[in-house]
C-alpha atoms as a PDB file:
ATOM      1  CA  MET A   1       0.067   0.088   0.025  1.00  0.00           C
ATOM      2  CA  ILE A   2       2.729   2.342   0.691  1.00  0.00           C
ATOM      3  CA  SER A   3       4.346   1.858  -2.646  1.00  0.00           C
ATOM      4  CA  CYS A   4       0.844   2.460  -4.183  1.00  0.00           C
ATOM      5  CA  ALA A   5       0.410   5.633  -2.186  1.00  0.00           C
ATOM      6  CA  TYR A   6       3.697   7.146  -3.553  1.00  0.00           C
ATOM      7  CA  GLY A   7       2.726   6.248  -6.948  1.00  0.00           C
ATOM      8  CA  PHE A   8      -0.536   8.334  -6.554  1.00  0.00           C
ATOM      9  CA  LEU A   9       1.621  11.251  -4.935  1.00  0.00           C
ATOM     10  CA  PHE A  10       3.890  11.358  -7.962  1.00  0.00           C
ATOM     11  CA  THR A  11       1.426  10.899 -10.573  1.00  0.00           C
ATOM     12  CA  GLU A  12      -1.666  13.595 -10.634  1.00  0.00           C
ATOM     13  CA  SER A  13      -4.758  12.369 -12.361  1.00  0.00           C
ATOM     14  CA  THR A  14      -8.339  12.833 -12.591  1.00  0.00           C
ATOM     15  CA  PRO A  15     -10.608  10.874 -10.316  1.00  0.00           C
ATOM     16  CA  THR A  16     -11.471   7.472 -11.629  1.00  0.00           C
ATOM     17  CA  PHE A  17     -12.988   4.301 -10.189  1.00  0.00           C
ATOM     18  CA  ALA A  18      -9.435   3.094  -9.234  1.00  0.00           C
ATOM     19  CA  SER A  19      -8.607   6.359  -7.406  1.00  0.00           C
ATOM     20  CA  PHE A  20     -12.068   6.344  -5.708  1.00  0.00           C
ATOM     21  CA  ALA A  21     -11.419   2.641  -4.580  1.00  0.00           C
ATOM     22  CA  PHE A  22      -7.936   3.493  -3.386  1.00  0.00           C
ATOM     23  CA  ILE A  23      -9.285   6.624  -1.325  1.00  0.00           C
ATOM     24  CA  ALA A  24     -11.838   3.964   0.289  1.00  0.00           C
ATOM     25  CA  GLY A  25      -9.077   1.745   1.370  1.00  0.00           C
ATOM     26  CA  VAL A  26      -6.736   4.463   2.571  1.00  0.00           C
ATOM     27  CA  THR A  27      -9.577   5.855   4.668  1.00  0.00           C
ATOM     28  CA  ALA A  28     -10.632   2.533   6.250  1.00  0.00           C
ATOM     29  CA  VAL A  29      -6.943   2.239   7.172  1.00  0.00           C
ATOM     30  CA  ALA A  30      -6.767   5.818   8.411  1.00  0.00           C
ATOM     31  CA  ALA A  31      -9.931   5.506  10.480  1.00  0.00           C
ATOM     32  CA  ALA A  32      -8.579   2.297  12.125  1.00  0.00           C
ATOM     33  CA  ILE A  33      -5.201   4.097  12.850  1.00  0.00           C
ATOM     34  CA  ASN A  34      -7.070   7.069  14.342  1.00  0.00           C
ATOM     35  CA  SER A  35      -9.061   4.801  16.761  1.00  0.00           C
ATOM     36  CA  VAL A  36      -5.774   3.312  18.162  1.00  0.00           C
ATOM     37  CA  ALA A  37      -3.166   6.069  17.821  1.00  0.00           C
ATOM     38  CA  GLY A  38      -4.339   8.967  15.773  1.00  0.00           C
ATOM     39  CA  GLY A  39      -2.453  10.276  12.611  1.00  0.00           C
ATOM     40  CA  GLY A  40      -4.566   8.839   9.973  1.00  0.00           C
ATOM     41  CA  ARG A  41      -5.253  12.185   8.255  1.00  0.00           C
ATOM     42  CA  ILE A  42      -1.669  12.305   7.128  1.00  0.00           C
ATOM     43  CA  LEU A  43      -2.556   9.349   4.793  1.00  0.00           C
ATOM     44  CA  THR A  44      -6.014  10.657   3.613  1.00  0.00           C
ATOM     45  CA  PHE A  45      -4.897  14.328   3.264  1.00  0.00           C
ATOM     46  CA  SER A  46      -1.780  13.210   1.024  1.00  0.00           C
ATOM     47  CA  VAL A  47      -3.735  10.975  -1.283  1.00  0.00           C
ATOM     48  CA  LEU A  48      -6.460  13.668  -1.810  1.00  0.00           C
ATOM     49  CA  ALA A  49      -3.897  16.199  -2.435  1.00  0.00           C
ATOM     50  CA  ALA A  50      -2.353  14.029  -5.059  1.00  0.00           C
ATOM     51  CA  ILE A  51      -5.483  13.105  -7.052  1.00  0.00           C
ATOM     52  CA  LEU A  52      -7.718  15.975  -6.716  1.00  0.00           C
ATOM     53  CA  PRO A  53      -7.872  18.392  -9.874  1.00  0.00           C
ATOM     54  CA  ALA A  54      -5.026  21.120  -9.879  1.00  0.00           C
ATOM     55  CA  ASP A  55      -6.138  24.191  -8.347  1.00  0.00           C
ATOM     56  CA  PRO A  56      -4.655  26.952  -6.198  1.00  0.00           C
ATOM     57  CA  SER A  57      -6.895  25.913  -3.315  1.00  0.00           C
ATOM     58  CA  ARG A  58      -6.226  22.040  -3.843  1.00  0.00           C
ATOM     59  CA  LEU A  59      -4.356  21.521  -0.670  1.00  0.00           C
ATOM     60  CA  VAL A  60      -7.127  23.264   1.539  1.00  0.00           C
ATOM     61  CA  MET A  61      -9.711  21.444  -0.298  1.00  0.00           C
ATOM     62  CA  ALA A  62      -7.841  18.213   0.628  1.00  0.00           C
ATOM     63  CA  ASN A  63      -7.621  19.139   4.179  1.00  0.00           C
ATOM     64  CA  ALA A  64     -11.505  20.102   4.295  1.00  0.00           C
ATOM     65  CA  THR A  65     -12.431  16.786   2.521  1.00  0.00           C
ATOM     66  CA  SER A  66     -10.294  14.819   4.510  1.00  0.00           C
ATOM     67  CA  THR A  67     -11.852  16.276   7.713  1.00  0.00           C
ATOM     68  CA  VAL A  68     -15.339  15.653   6.685  1.00  0.00           C
ATOM     69  CA  GLY A  69     -14.845  12.207   5.139  1.00  0.00           C
ATOM     70  CA  LEU A  70     -12.951  10.975   8.272  1.00  0.00           C
ATOM     71  CA  TRP A  71     -15.595  12.323  10.789  1.00  0.00           C
ATOM     72  CA  PRO A  72     -17.950   9.278  10.749  1.00  0.00           C
ATOM     73  CA  GLY A  73     -14.829   7.341  11.617  1.00  0.00           C
ATOM     74  CA  THR A  74     -14.197   9.349  14.790  1.00  0.00           C
ATOM     75  CA  LEU A  75     -17.953   8.866  15.663  1.00  0.00           C
ATOM     76  CA  SER A  76     -17.847   5.151  15.046  1.00  0.00           C
ATOM     77  CA  ALA A  77     -14.535   4.979  17.159  1.00  0.00           C
ATOM     78  CA  ALA A  78     -16.068   7.016  19.934  1.00  0.00           C
ATOM     79  CA  TRP A  79     -18.949   4.665  20.017  1.00  0.00           C
ATOM     80  CA  ASP A  80     -16.750   1.466  19.939  1.00  0.00           C
ATOM     81  CA  TYR A  81     -14.773   2.989  23.001  1.00  0.00           C
ATOM     82  CA  ARG A  82     -17.830   3.919  24.973  1.00  0.00           C
ATOM     83  CA  HIS A  83     -17.359   1.217  27.494  1.00  0.00           C
ATOM     84  CA  GLN A  84     -13.944   2.406  28.291  1.00  0.00           C
ATOM     85  CA  ARG A  85     -15.081   5.771  29.372  1.00  0.00           C
ATOM     86  CA  THR A  86     -16.970   4.260  32.169  1.00  0.00           C
ATOM     87  CA  GLY A  87     -16.059   5.722  35.778  1.00  0.00           C
ATOM     88  CA  GLN A  88     -14.491   9.159  34.012  1.00  0.00           C
ATOM     89  CA  PRO A  89     -14.976  12.027  36.579  1.00  0.00           C
ATOM     90  CA  LYS A  90     -17.962  14.506  35.492  1.00  0.00           C
ATOM     91  CA  TRP A  91     -15.609  17.396  35.464  1.00  0.00           C
ATOM     92  CA  SER A  92     -13.672  15.897  32.578  1.00  0.00           C
ATOM     93  CA  LEU A  93     -16.599  16.553  30.308  1.00  0.00           C
ATOM     94  CA  TRP A  94     -15.651  20.270  30.647  1.00  0.00           C
ATOM     95  CA  LEU A  95     -12.900  19.845  28.338  1.00  0.00           C
ATOM     96  CA  LEU A  96     -15.226  19.585  25.564  1.00  0.00           C
ATOM     97  CA  ILE A  97     -16.036  23.300  25.642  1.00  0.00           C
ATOM     98  CA  PRO A  98     -12.539  24.394  24.797  1.00  0.00           C
ATOM     99  CA  SER A  99     -12.220  21.503  22.262  1.00  0.00           C
ATOM    100  CA  ILE A 100     -15.338  22.910  20.361  1.00  0.00           C
ATOM    101  CA  VAL A 101     -13.958  26.700  20.552  1.00  0.00           C
ATOM    102  CA  GLY A 102     -10.424  25.801  19.624  1.00  0.00           C
ATOM    103  CA  SER A 103     -11.504  23.577  16.688  1.00  0.00           C
ATOM    104  CA  VAL A 104     -13.929  26.219  15.176  1.00  0.00           C
ATOM    105  CA  LEU A 105     -11.277  28.900  15.542  1.00  0.00           C
ATOM    106  CA  GLY A 106      -8.689  26.598  13.820  1.00  0.00           C
ATOM    107  CA  THR A 107     -11.011  25.933  11.030  1.00  0.00           C
ATOM    108  CA  ILE A 108     -11.962  29.503  10.461  1.00  0.00           C
ATOM    109  CA  LEU A 109      -8.210  30.235  10.211  1.00  0.00           C
ATOM    110  CA  VAL A 110      -8.036  27.793   7.355  1.00  0.00           C
ATOM    111  CA  LEU A 111     -10.801  29.605   5.619  1.00  0.00           C
ATOM    112  CA  ILE A 112      -9.683  33.088   6.079  1.00  0.00           C
ATOM    113  CA  LEU A 113      -6.166  33.005   5.593  1.00  0.00           C
ATOM    114  CA  PRO A 114      -4.591  33.016   2.019  1.00  0.00           C
ATOM    115  CA  THR A 115      -4.526  29.438   0.583  1.00  0.00           C
ATOM    116  CA  THR A 116      -0.564  29.967  -0.052  1.00  0.00           C
ATOM    117  CA  TYR A 117      -0.060  30.427   3.645  1.00  0.00           C
ATOM    118  CA  PHE A 118      -1.652  26.858   4.292  1.00  0.00           C
ATOM    119  CA  ASP A 119       0.385  25.498   1.316  1.00  0.00           C
ATOM    120  CA  SER A 120       3.549  26.779   2.776  1.00  0.00           C
ATOM    121  CA  ILE A 121       3.222  25.071   6.144  1.00  0.00           C
ATOM    122  CA  VAL A 122       1.826  21.862   4.910  1.00  0.00           C
ATOM    123  CA  PRO A 123       5.212  20.258   4.946  1.00  0.00           C
ATOM    124  CA  LEU A 124       5.991  21.510   8.607  1.00  0.00           C
ATOM    125  CA  LEU A 125       2.543  20.308   9.705  1.00  0.00           C
ATOM    126  CA  ILE A 126       3.245  16.891   8.370  1.00  0.00           C
ATOM    127  CA  PHE A 127       6.908  16.938   9.656  1.00  0.00           C
ATOM    128  CA  SER A 128       5.583  17.609  13.313  1.00  0.00           C
ATOM    129  CA  ALA A 129       2.890  14.961  13.123  1.00  0.00           C
ATOM    130  CA  ALA A 130       5.426  12.373  12.065  1.00  0.00           C
ATOM    131  CA  THR A 131       7.888  13.722  14.899  1.00  0.00           C
ATOM    132  CA  LEU A 132       5.020  13.361  17.301  1.00  0.00           C
ATOM    133  CA  PHE A 133       4.795   9.663  16.444  1.00  0.00           C
ATOM    134  CA  ALA A 134       8.517   9.111  16.589  1.00  0.00           C
ATOM    135  CA  VAL A 135       8.777  10.247  20.074  1.00  0.00           C
ATOM    136  CA  GLN A 136       5.598   8.558  21.274  1.00  0.00           C
ATOM    137  CA  PRO A 137       7.573   5.825  23.289  1.00  0.00           C
ATOM    138  CA  TYR A 138       9.185   8.497  25.158  1.00  0.00           C
ATOM    139  CA  LEU A 139       5.933  10.142  25.672  1.00  0.00           C
ATOM    140  CA  SER A 140       4.265   7.049  26.762  1.00  0.00           C
ATOM    141  CA  LYS A 141       7.081   6.192  29.377  1.00  0.00           C
ATOM    142  CA  GLN A 142       6.604   9.823  30.740  1.00  0.00           C
ATOM    143  CA  LEU A 143       2.790   9.378  30.690  1.00  0.00           C
ATOM    144  CA  SER A 144       2.839   6.200  32.725  1.00  0.00           C
ATOM    145  CA  GLN A 145       5.142   7.581  35.297  1.00  0.00           C
ATOM    146  CA  ARG A 146       2.686  10.392  35.732  1.00  0.00           C
ATOM    147  CA  ILE A 147      -0.326   8.323  35.868  1.00  0.00           C
ATOM    148  CA  GLU A 148       1.348   6.309  38.924  1.00  0.00           C
ATOM    149  CA  VAL A 149       1.919   9.432  40.744  1.00  0.00           C
ATOM    150  CA  GLU A 150      -1.738  10.739  39.867  1.00  0.00           C
ATOM    151  CA  LYS A 151      -3.049   7.229  41.160  1.00  0.00           C
ATOM    152  CA  ARG A 152      -1.875   7.952  44.613  1.00  0.00           C
ATOM    153  CA  ARG A 153      -4.464  10.998  45.058  1.00  0.00           C
ATOM    154  CA  SER A 154      -8.103  11.377  44.205  1.00  0.00           C
ATOM    155  CA  ILE A 155      -8.768  13.219  40.875  1.00  0.00           C
ATOM    156  CA  ASP A 156     -12.648  13.854  41.671  1.00  0.00           C
ATOM    157  CA  ASN A 157     -11.885  17.203  42.999  1.00  0.00           C
ATOM    158  CA  PRO A 158      -8.765  18.491  41.176  1.00  0.00           C
ATOM    159  CA  GLU A 159      -7.246  22.001  41.975  1.00  0.00           C
ATOM    160  CA  THR A 160      -8.577  24.874  39.954  1.00  0.00           C
ATOM    161  CA  LYS A 161      -5.139  25.661  38.430  1.00  0.00           C
ATOM    162  CA  ILE A 162      -4.887  22.191  37.032  1.00  0.00           C
ATOM    163  CA  LEU A 163      -8.382  22.341  35.391  1.00  0.00           C
ATOM    164  CA  LEU A 164      -7.418  25.696  33.870  1.00  0.00           C
ATOM    165  CA  ARG A 165      -4.234  24.359  32.602  1.00  0.00           C
ATOM    166  CA  ALA A 166      -5.804  21.412  30.952  1.00  0.00           C
ATOM    167  CA  ALA A 167      -8.617  23.636  29.685  1.00  0.00           C
ATOM    168  CA  THR A 168      -6.032  25.942  27.979  1.00  0.00           C
ATOM    169  CA  LEU A 169      -3.965  22.987  26.497  1.00  0.00           C
ATOM    170  CA  GLN A 170      -7.192  21.338  25.150  1.00  0.00           C
ATOM    171  CA  PHE A 171      -8.085  24.776  23.642  1.00  0.00           C
ATOM    172  CA  PHE A 172      -4.965  24.951  21.494  1.00  0.00           C
ATOM    173  CA  ILE A 173      -5.037  21.058  20.840  1.00  0.00           C
ATOM    174  CA  GLY A 174      -8.711  21.674  19.516  1.00  0.00           C
ATOM    175  CA  MET A 175      -7.447  24.813  17.338  1.00  0.00           C
ATOM    176  CA  TYR A 176      -4.702  22.528  15.816  1.00  0.00           C
ATOM    177  CA  GLY A 177      -7.445  19.843  15.273  1.00  0.00           C
ATOM    178  CA  GLY A 178      -9.622  22.268  13.273  1.00  0.00           C
ATOM    179  CA  TYR A 179      -6.734  23.621  11.292  1.00  0.00           C
ATOM    180  CA  PHE A 180      -5.170  20.328  10.331  1.00  0.00           C
ATOM    181  CA  GLY A 181      -5.156  17.775  13.186  1.00  0.00           C
ATOM    182  CA  ALA A 182      -2.755  14.949  12.158  1.00  0.00           C
ATOM    183  CA  GLY A 183      -1.103  13.860  15.449  1.00  0.00           C
ATOM    184  CA  ASN A 184      -3.404  15.635  17.901  1.00  0.00           C
ATOM    185  CA  GLY A 185      -4.705  12.506  19.465  1.00  0.00           C
ATOM    186  CA  ILE A 186      -1.065  12.053  20.882  1.00  0.00           C
ATOM    187  CA  LEU A 187      -1.222  15.479  22.216  1.00  0.00           C
ATOM    188  CA  MET A 188      -4.557  14.643  24.010  1.00  0.00           C
ATOM    189  CA  LEU A 189      -3.242  11.465  25.403  1.00  0.00           C
ATOM    190  CA  ALA A 190      -0.389  13.358  26.947  1.00  0.00           C
ATOM    191  CA  THR A 191      -2.637  16.031  28.479  1.00  0.00           C
ATOM    192  CA  LEU A 192      -5.272  13.499  29.572  1.00  0.00           C
ATOM    193  CA  GLY A 193      -2.578  11.305  31.142  1.00  0.00           C
ATOM    194  CA  GLY A 194      -1.235  14.195  33.019  1.00  0.00           C
ATOM    195  CA  LEU A 195      -4.424  14.555  34.704  1.00  0.00           C
ATOM    196  CA  GLY A 196      -4.391  10.940  35.864  1.00  0.00           C
ATOM    197  CA  LEU A 197      -7.580  10.138  33.989  1.00  0.00           C
ATOM    198  CA  GLY A 198      -6.813   6.187  33.856  1.00  0.00           C
ATOM    199  CA  ASP A 199      -5.010   3.584  31.905  1.00  0.00           C
ATOM    200  CA  THR A 200      -4.254   3.705  28.339  1.00  0.00           C
ATOM    201  CA  HIS A 201      -7.490   2.103  27.280  1.00  0.00           C
ATOM    202  CA  ARG A 202      -9.554   4.647  29.219  1.00  0.00           C
ATOM    203  CA  LEU A 203      -7.471   7.426  27.947  1.00  0.00           C
ATOM    204  CA  ASN A 204      -8.002   6.213  24.428  1.00  0.00           C
ATOM    205  CA  GLY A 205     -11.771   6.019  25.084  1.00  0.00           C
ATOM    206  CA  PHE A 206     -11.981   9.671  26.271  1.00  0.00           C
ATOM    207  CA  LYS A 207      -9.424  10.902  23.554  1.00  0.00           C
ATOM    208  CA  ASN A 208     -11.555   9.449  20.769  1.00  0.00           C
ATOM    209  CA  LEU A 209     -14.822  11.244  22.182  1.00  0.00           C
ATOM    210  CA  LEU A 210     -12.777  14.687  22.197  1.00  0.00           C
ATOM    211  CA  ALA A 211     -11.520  13.893  18.896  1.00  0.00           C
ATOM    212  CA  MET A 212     -14.981  13.212  17.477  1.00  0.00           C
ATOM    213  CA  VAL A 213     -16.159  16.678  18.703  1.00  0.00           C
ATOM    214  CA  ILE A 214     -13.058  18.412  17.511  1.00  0.00           C
ATOM    215  CA  ASN A 215     -13.612  16.824  14.073  1.00  0.00           C
ATOM    216  CA  ALA A 216     -17.258  17.170  14.111  1.00  0.00           C
ATOM    217  CA  CYS A 217     -17.109  21.083  14.668  1.00  0.00           C
ATOM    218  CA  ALA A 218     -14.334  21.639  12.047  1.00  0.00           C
ATOM    219  CA  ALA A 219     -16.334  19.176   9.688  1.00  0.00           C
ATOM    220  CA  LEU A 220     -19.608  21.254  10.094  1.00  0.00           C
ATOM    221  CA  THR A 221     -17.682  24.527   9.573  1.00  0.00           C
ATOM    222  CA  PHE A 222     -16.232  23.206   6.308  1.00  0.00           C
ATOM    223  CA  MET A 223     -19.615  21.982   5.099  1.00  0.00           C
ATOM    224  CA  LEU A 224     -21.507  25.164   5.847  1.00  0.00           C
ATOM    225  CA  THR A 225     -18.868  27.052   4.198  1.00  0.00           C
ATOM    226  CA  SER A 226     -18.950  24.705   1.081  1.00  0.00           C
ATOM    227  CA  PHE A 227     -22.758  25.083   0.978  1.00  0.00           C
ATOM    228  CA  THR A 228     -23.090  28.907   1.431  1.00  0.00           C
ATOM    229  CA  SER A 229     -20.003  30.363  -0.406  1.00  0.00           C
ATOM    230  CA  ASN A 230     -16.804  28.539  -1.346  1.00  0.00           C
ATOM    231  CA  PRO A 231     -17.144  24.933  -2.410  1.00  0.00           C
ATOM    232  CA  ILE A 232     -14.320  23.859  -0.537  1.00  0.00           C
ATOM    233  CA  VAL A 233     -15.335  20.309  -0.076  1.00  0.00           C
ATOM    234  CA  ALA A 234     -14.924  17.752  -2.822  1.00  0.00           C
ATOM    235  CA  TRP A 235     -18.323  15.817  -2.039  1.00  0.00           C
ATOM    236  CA  PRO A 236     -17.931  12.701  -4.156  1.00  0.00           C
ATOM    237  CA  GLU A 237     -14.571  11.881  -2.438  1.00  0.00           C
ATOM    238  CA  ALA A 238     -16.005  12.905   0.981  1.00  0.00           C
ATOM    239  CA  GLY A 239     -18.943  10.506   0.572  1.00  0.00           C
ATOM    240  CA  ILE A 240     -16.885   7.544  -0.172  1.00  0.00           C
ATOM    241  CA  MET A 241     -14.436   8.469   2.584  1.00  0.00           C
ATOM    242  CA  ALA A 242     -17.489   8.612   5.213  1.00  0.00           C
ATOM    243  CA  ILE A 243     -18.627   5.141   4.446  1.00  0.00           C
ATOM    244  CA  ALA A 244     -14.926   3.768   4.466  1.00  0.00           C
ATOM    245  CA  ALA A 245     -14.315   5.728   7.824  1.00  0.00           C
ATOM    246  CA  ILE A 246     -17.265   3.907   9.334  1.00  0.00           C
ATOM    247  CA  ILE A 247     -16.068   0.540   8.369  1.00  0.00           C
ATOM    248  CA  GLY A 248     -12.530   1.354   9.507  1.00  0.00           C
ATOM    249  CA  GLY A 249     -13.356   2.807  12.710  1.00  0.00           C
ATOM    250  CA  LEU A 250     -15.542  -0.138  13.828  1.00  0.00           C
ATOM    251  CA  ILE A 251     -14.044  -3.289  12.261  1.00  0.00           C
ATOM    252  CA  GLY A 252     -10.428  -1.826  11.473  1.00  0.00           C
ATOM    253  CA  GLY A 253     -10.220  -0.520  14.926  1.00  0.00           C
ATOM    254  CA  ARG A 254     -10.645  -3.670  16.588  1.00  0.00           C
ATOM    255  CA  LEU A 255      -8.178  -5.451  14.015  1.00  0.00           C
ATOM    256  CA  ALA A 256      -5.583  -2.784  14.599  1.00  0.00           C
ATOM    257  CA  ARG A 257      -5.672  -3.219  18.336  1.00  0.00           C
ATOM    258  CA  GLN A 258      -4.308  -6.610  18.032  1.00  0.00           C
ATOM    259  CA  TYR A 259      -1.153  -5.183  16.683  1.00  0.00           C
ATOM    260  CA  HIS A 260       1.362  -3.474  19.144  1.00  0.00           C
ATOM    261  CA  PRO A 261       0.737   0.343  19.040  1.00  0.00           C
ATOM    262  CA  ASN A 262       4.344   1.158  18.436  1.00  0.00           C
ATOM    263  CA  THR A 263       4.306  -0.778  15.126  1.00  0.00           C
ATOM    264  CA  ILE A 264       1.499   1.142  13.860  1.00  0.00           C
ATOM    265  CA  ARG A 265       3.046   4.561  15.129  1.00  0.00           C
ATOM    266  CA  LYS A 266       6.451   3.680  13.382  1.00  0.00           C
ATOM    267  CA  CYS A 267       4.751   2.920  10.148  1.00  0.00           C
ATOM    268  CA  VAL A 268       2.757   6.193  10.285  1.00  0.00           C
ATOM    269  CA  ALA A 269       5.835   8.031  11.412  1.00  0.00           C
ATOM    270  CA  VAL A 270       8.035   6.699   8.434  1.00  0.00           C
ATOM    271  CA  ILE A 271       5.195   7.506   5.934  1.00  0.00           C
ATOM    272  CA  GLY A 272       4.795  11.025   7.454  1.00  0.00           C
ATOM    273  CA  TYR A 273       8.523  11.847   7.126  1.00  0.00           C
ATOM    274  CA  GLY A 274       8.557  10.568   3.487  1.00  0.00           C
ATOM    275  CA  LEU A 275       5.556  12.884   2.620  1.00  0.00           C
ATOM    276  CA  ALA A 276       7.016  15.721   4.483  1.00  0.00           C
ATOM    277  CA  GLY A 277      10.087  15.416   2.364  1.00  0.00           C
ATOM    278  CA  TYR A 278       8.185  15.210  -0.848  1.00  0.00           C
ATOM    279  CA  TYR A 279       6.147  18.435   0.051  1.00  0.00           C
ATOM    280  CA  PHE A 280       9.320  20.171   1.093  1.00  0.00           C
ATOM    281  CA  LEU A 281      10.879  19.287  -2.165  1.00  0.00           C
ATOM    282  CA  THR A 282       7.965  20.307  -4.423  1.00  0.00           C
END
């Protein structure tokens, strides 16, 4: 699949049945990766950027279409992990508010800033996302140590400064999620782990809920814009991606959890660095 992906990247073409089928396959894999580790948007964005018709706003359209197409996958992943959220403290739901505000603001920035600005930082965004995956083992180690410390004290009534810090971090994570979002799942896991909200599975459950909300706000903003003014979403591709994302989020996510998360992250990181290099050179 990796070799096919690079073939699509270096050979621009108009959408065909083969390209639609390839989009569906990559989206299913991306949705499965998102439910376990995050970062699937690196794959879908790059494929869409390669096959969408040449246009000055092609990368922005690829970003918007990827967001809209992947959202059903985040919904199915949040549903699949619903049992892992049992026992979460009620105050943790307040993190939904900065997630929503940040996501909407990040999406608006994509829409109002010149497309050339987004195009210029795409290599840096992909490189940063790949780096997050590369350093994931270190973050996981620090996270586990922090959780052990947090387990020794109650989290039912955390200090106000801790809540404010978490809300601020979640706001910026939501903004990044609305703007681009690849790798923001890792950022959320680090933030949630620092609050001592449970083991890896419980953190993934709550992370998937926040990711679903962030992507929903971004997707809704892109869709409203596409309906009312600038057609920024490629609807045929988005529709195919939506169906594939649901399948990948449910079935693919369960299959992906059978593999060691580090294996998945290393694969995504390698692909991400390759794509970042490609965009830096083009």
